[in-house]
């Protein structure tokens, strides 16, 4: 979103945004890798739970295939 005097002016497409940055009409973001990592919402516990859920899902799909059961669209 492009803001002028603190008010929303226009929605920018990625191409338009890069063109404005190239022509130096606007300043690009100056985020560093450290700032991005600091803003990360995930910690080791949440990432571990996601890995366990993914493994469990794959295990269930394999067992359904072994027992020749259909996989529903809901499961996918």
N, C-alpha and C. Protein backbone atom coordinates (compact mmCIF):
# COMPACT_ATOMS: atom_id res chain seq x y z
N UNK A 1 0.85 -1.17 0.00
CA UNK A 1 0.00 0.00 0.00
C UNK A 1 0.90 1.23 0.00
N UNK A 2 0.62 2.15 -0.87
CA UNK A 2 1.36 3.41 -0.93
C UNK A 2 0.61 4.44 -0.10
N UNK A 3 1.31 5.06 0.83
CA UNK A 3 0.71 6.08 1.70
C UNK A 3 1.29 7.44 1.35
N UNK A 4 0.42 8.44 1.31
CA UNK A 4 0.83 9.82 1.09
C UNK A 4 0.29 10.63 2.26
N UNK A 5 1.17 11.29 2.98
CA UNK A 5 0.81 12.07 4.17
C UNK A 5 0.06 11.22 5.20
N UNK A 6 0.46 9.94 5.32
CA UNK A 6 -0.13 9.06 6.31
C UNK A 6 -1.46 8.47 5.92
N UNK A 7 -1.93 8.73 4.71
CA UNK A 7 -3.22 8.19 4.25
C UNK A 7 -2.98 7.24 3.08
N UNK A 8 -3.74 6.12 3.03
CA UNK A 8 -3.56 5.19 1.91
C UNK A 8 -3.92 5.85 0.59
N UNK A 9 -3.03 5.70 -0.38
CA UNK A 9 -3.23 6.35 -1.67
C UNK A 9 -3.53 5.33 -2.77
N UNK A 10 -2.73 4.24 -2.80
CA UNK A 10 -2.84 3.32 -3.92
C UNK A 10 -2.23 1.97 -3.53
N UNK A 11 -2.83 0.89 -4.06
CA UNK A 11 -2.26 -0.44 -3.88
C UNK A 11 -1.22 -0.66 -4.97
N UNK A 12 -0.06 -1.15 -4.56
CA UNK A 12 1.04 -1.32 -5.51
C UNK A 12 1.21 -2.79 -5.89
N UNK A 13 1.43 -3.03 -7.17
CA UNK A 13 1.80 -4.37 -7.62
C UNK A 13 3.31 -4.52 -7.41
N UNK A 14 3.82 -5.74 -7.37
CA UNK A 14 5.26 -5.91 -7.18
C UNK A 14 6.09 -5.20 -8.25
N UNK A 15 5.65 -5.27 -9.51
CA UNK A 15 6.40 -4.61 -10.59
C UNK A 15 6.42 -3.10 -10.40
N UNK A 16 5.28 -2.54 -10.05
CA UNK A 16 5.19 -1.09 -9.84
C UNK A 16 6.05 -0.66 -8.65
N UNK A 17 6.05 -1.46 -7.60
CA UNK A 17 6.85 -1.16 -6.42
C UNK A 17 8.34 -1.14 -6.77
N UNK A 18 8.81 -2.16 -7.50
CA UNK A 18 10.22 -2.21 -7.88
C UNK A 18 10.59 -1.06 -8.81
N UNK A 19 9.66 -0.68 -9.69
CA UNK A 19 9.92 0.46 -10.58
C UNK A 19 10.08 1.75 -9.77
N UNK A 20 9.24 1.95 -8.76
CA UNK A 20 9.35 3.14 -7.93
C UNK A 20 10.65 3.15 -7.13
N UNK A 21 11.08 1.97 -6.67
CA UNK A 21 12.35 1.88 -5.94
C UNK A 21 13.53 2.16 -6.88
N UNK A 22 13.49 1.61 -8.09
CA UNK A 22 14.57 1.83 -9.06
C UNK A 22 14.71 3.29 -9.44
N UNK A 23 13.59 3.99 -9.59
CA UNK A 23 13.65 5.41 -9.96
C UNK A 23 13.85 6.31 -8.75
N UNK A 24 14.00 5.68 -7.58
CA UNK A 24 14.23 6.37 -6.31
C UNK A 24 13.08 7.34 -5.96
N UNK A 25 11.88 6.98 -6.40
CA UNK A 25 10.70 7.76 -6.02
C UNK A 25 10.30 7.46 -4.58
N UNK A 26 10.58 6.23 -4.16
CA UNK A 26 10.33 5.83 -2.77
C UNK A 26 11.56 5.07 -2.28
N UNK A 27 11.70 4.97 -0.97
CA UNK A 27 12.81 4.22 -0.37
C UNK A 27 12.35 2.79 -0.11
N UNK A 28 13.23 1.85 -0.39
CA UNK A 28 12.93 0.46 -0.10
C UNK A 28 13.13 0.16 1.37
N UNK A 29 12.64 -0.98 1.81
CA UNK A 29 12.76 -1.40 3.18
C UNK A 29 14.22 -1.72 3.50
N UNK A 30 14.63 -1.46 4.71
CA UNK A 30 16.01 -1.73 5.11
C UNK A 30 16.06 -2.77 6.22
N UNK A 31 15.27 -3.82 6.10
CA UNK A 31 15.28 -4.90 7.10
C UNK A 31 16.55 -5.73 6.94
N UNK A 32 17.13 -6.08 8.06
CA UNK A 32 18.29 -6.96 8.04
C UNK A 32 17.83 -8.39 8.35
N UNK A 33 18.72 -9.35 8.10
CA UNK A 33 18.39 -10.75 8.38
C UNK A 33 18.13 -10.93 9.87
N UNK A 34 18.87 -10.23 10.72
CA UNK A 34 18.68 -10.34 12.16
C UNK A 34 17.29 -9.83 12.57
N UNK A 35 16.83 -8.73 11.98
CA UNK A 35 15.51 -8.19 12.29
C UNK A 35 14.42 -9.17 11.87
N UNK A 36 14.60 -9.82 10.75
CA UNK A 36 13.60 -10.79 10.28
C UNK A 36 13.54 -11.97 11.23
N UNK A 37 14.70 -12.48 11.66
CA UNK A 37 14.72 -13.60 12.61
C UNK A 37 14.09 -13.19 13.94
N UNK A 38 14.31 -11.95 14.38
CA UNK A 38 13.73 -11.47 15.63
C UNK A 38 12.21 -11.43 15.56
N UNK A 39 11.66 -11.19 14.39
CA UNK A 39 10.21 -11.09 14.22
C UNK A 39 9.55 -12.44 13.98
N UNK A 40 10.34 -13.48 13.87
CA UNK A 40 9.81 -14.82 13.63
C UNK A 40 8.94 -15.24 14.80
N UNK A 41 7.78 -15.77 14.51
CA UNK A 41 6.83 -16.17 15.55
C UNK A 41 7.09 -17.58 16.05
N UNK A 42 7.86 -18.36 15.31
CA UNK A 42 8.05 -19.75 15.67
C UNK A 42 9.22 -19.96 16.61
N UNK A 43 9.06 -20.87 17.53
CA UNK A 43 10.17 -21.28 18.38
C UNK A 43 10.37 -22.77 18.18
N UNK A 44 11.29 -23.36 18.90
CA UNK A 44 11.63 -24.77 18.70
C UNK A 44 10.45 -25.69 19.01
N UNK A 45 9.63 -25.33 19.98
CA UNK A 45 8.48 -26.18 20.35
C UNK A 45 7.43 -26.19 19.24
N UNK A 46 7.08 -25.01 18.73
CA UNK A 46 6.06 -24.96 17.68
C UNK A 46 6.56 -25.62 16.40
N UNK A 47 7.84 -25.44 16.08
CA UNK A 47 8.38 -26.07 14.88
C UNK A 47 8.44 -27.59 15.05
N UNK A 48 8.76 -28.05 16.26
CA UNK A 48 8.77 -29.48 16.52
C UNK A 48 7.39 -30.09 16.39
N UNK A 49 6.36 -29.40 16.91
CA UNK A 49 4.99 -29.90 16.80
C UNK A 49 4.55 -29.98 15.33
N UNK A 50 4.95 -29.01 14.54
CA UNK A 50 4.59 -29.04 13.11
C UNK A 50 5.25 -30.23 12.43
N UNK A 51 6.51 -30.50 12.76
CA UNK A 51 7.19 -31.66 12.18
C UNK A 51 6.50 -32.96 12.58
N UNK A 52 6.10 -33.07 13.83
CA UNK A 52 5.40 -34.28 14.30
C UNK A 52 4.07 -34.44 13.57
N UNK A 53 3.32 -33.35 13.41
CA UNK A 53 2.04 -33.42 12.69
C UNK A 53 2.25 -33.83 11.24
N UNK A 54 3.27 -33.28 10.60
CA UNK A 54 3.55 -33.64 9.21
C UNK A 54 3.92 -35.10 9.08
N UNK A 55 4.76 -35.59 10.00
CA UNK A 55 5.14 -37.01 10.00
C UNK A 55 3.93 -37.90 10.22
N UNK A 56 3.05 -37.53 11.15
CA UNK A 56 1.85 -38.31 11.44
C UNK A 56 0.92 -38.35 10.21
N UNK A 57 0.78 -37.24 9.53
CA UNK A 57 -0.06 -37.17 8.34
C UNK A 57 0.48 -38.10 7.26
N UNK A 58 1.79 -38.05 7.02
CA UNK A 58 2.39 -38.92 6.00
C UNK A 58 2.25 -40.38 6.39
N UNK A 59 2.42 -40.69 7.67
CA UNK A 59 2.26 -42.06 8.15
C UNK A 59 0.84 -42.57 7.92
N UNK A 60 -0.16 -41.73 8.17
CA UNK A 60 -1.55 -42.13 7.93
C UNK A 60 -1.82 -42.34 6.45
N UNK A 61 -1.28 -41.48 5.59
CA UNK A 61 -1.47 -41.67 4.16
C UNK A 61 -0.84 -42.98 3.69
N UNK A 62 0.35 -43.28 4.19
CA UNK A 62 1.00 -44.54 3.83
C UNK A 62 0.20 -45.75 4.30
N UNK A 63 -0.33 -45.68 5.51
CA UNK A 63 -1.11 -46.81 6.01
C UNK A 63 -2.40 -46.99 5.20
N UNK A 64 -3.01 -45.90 4.77
CA UNK A 64 -4.22 -46.02 3.95
C UNK A 64 -3.88 -46.64 2.60
N UNK A 65 -2.71 -46.32 2.08
CA UNK A 65 -2.29 -46.90 0.80
C UNK A 65 -2.00 -48.40 0.96
N UNK A 66 -1.33 -48.76 2.04
CA UNK A 66 -1.01 -50.17 2.29
C UNK A 66 -2.27 -51.01 2.42
N UNK A 67 -3.28 -50.51 3.12
CA UNK A 67 -4.53 -51.23 3.32
C UNK A 67 -5.53 -50.98 2.19
N UNK A 68 -5.08 -50.31 1.13
CA UNK A 68 -5.88 -50.03 -0.06
C UNK A 68 -7.18 -49.31 0.26
N UNK A 69 -7.10 -48.34 1.14
CA UNK A 69 -8.23 -47.49 1.46
C UNK A 69 -8.12 -46.20 0.67
N UNK A 70 -9.26 -45.61 0.35
CA UNK A 70 -9.24 -44.38 -0.43
C UNK A 70 -8.84 -43.20 0.48
N UNK A 71 -8.18 -42.25 -0.14
CA UNK A 71 -7.84 -40.99 0.54
C UNK A 71 -8.84 -39.94 0.08
N UNK A 72 -9.50 -39.32 1.02
CA UNK A 72 -10.52 -38.32 0.67
C UNK A 72 -9.87 -36.98 0.36
N UNK A 73 -10.61 -36.11 -0.32
CA UNK A 73 -10.12 -34.76 -0.61
C UNK A 73 -9.93 -33.98 0.68
N UNK A 74 -10.73 -34.26 1.68
CA UNK A 74 -10.62 -33.57 2.96
C UNK A 74 -9.25 -33.84 3.60
N UNK A 75 -8.77 -35.08 3.45
CA UNK A 75 -7.47 -35.42 4.02
C UNK A 75 -6.33 -34.75 3.28
N UNK A 76 -6.50 -34.53 2.01
CA UNK A 76 -5.46 -33.88 1.23
C UNK A 76 -5.49 -32.39 1.46
